[in-house]
Amino acid sequence: MRRPERFPKSARTSPASRRAIAWCCHGIHCGACFYCERAQPILCTQFLANAPKAFHFDGRPRLFCDAVPVHQLMYLGGFAEYCIVPAASAVRVPDTMPFDRAALLGCCVMTGIGAATRIAALRWGDVAMVIGCGAVGLSAVQGCVLAGAGAIIAVDPNPVRRLLAQRLGATHAVEPDEAVDVARVLSQDRGADVVIEAAGDPTSFSLSVEAVRPGGQVVWLGKVAAQREVAFRWGSLMQEKRITRSSYGGARPQQDFPLLARAYLEGRLKLDEMNSARIELAAINDGFAALKRGETVRSVVMFA
């Protein structure tokens, strides 16, 4: 049974008018290159070669303004009322899925949940830790819930974010300087089985390898500047710890987006709590500013 609506009708559209509505995803791939054949589509040679050009997947533009090609970030360029995308980037949205919650699935939710369920390969009853409780981290918390983790430690310096993480399924929510001790208490002094870093801060990367147990799995989702160096205590990297950097949580959008939508509609995935504000396109810079200040998890642009 579908959960009751809690938002105004402006956030929904009648089924008759939704026939061509789709998610737009950037994770497209050729399916035939070295990496695609090895089930690593996020490393697709064509995808990575043409992305810096900011045109379409074939490296050519589709949009022009006064005969000048218009660039589109990651083959999408979605901060507009209309966009042209490759067919492979379009995934049908179920008729019963509200748009303002569907909008969250294409990036942050997919990345966080995929990190927990696909990349980390969490086992039932594992002790999991998520560092950073922004949109990606909060999604990772929910991914740990879906994967059956026995304990989920959410780590963030912001008490509001920690409280929200608990509402979304974290069993413990702590500040960074408490994380290692709590993981040890919950694991007979071993450390967390899986640590997912979603903060994108040098101290968080260092914390992730300190908190994971010997032989455990670390998944890095956050980013720092490509040329920036990050330091580690060498001993924290020893004892067969496995570290994986993931950009999109092993996403298979055509399969995963409908499954995530079903999980929301069945009440197993919480999206309402992550939707902090609904704004007009003209206010998008204000939305980014609020996000940078830590005031929102996600603001969704609503079109008239």
Foldseek 3Di string as FASTA:
>chain_A
DFDDDDDDCLQADALVVQPQPWAFALQDADCDDPCNVVLNSSVHPLQVVQQVCQAASNNDHDDDDPNHGDGHHSQFNPLDPDTDHPPLRTARDDNPFGPQLLNLCRAQLQQLLLCLVPVQVDAAQFEEEEEDQFSNSLSVLLSCVVRHHNAYEYEDPDPVSQVVSVVSPHPHYYYLVCQQVVQCVVPVHFFGQEYEYDHQDLVSVQSRLSRHGQLHEYEYAHHDPPPDDHDYDVVSPDRNYYYYYDHRSSDPPNPPSVVVSVCVRVPSGDRVSQAFEEAASVCVVVQVVCVVVVNHRHYHHRDD
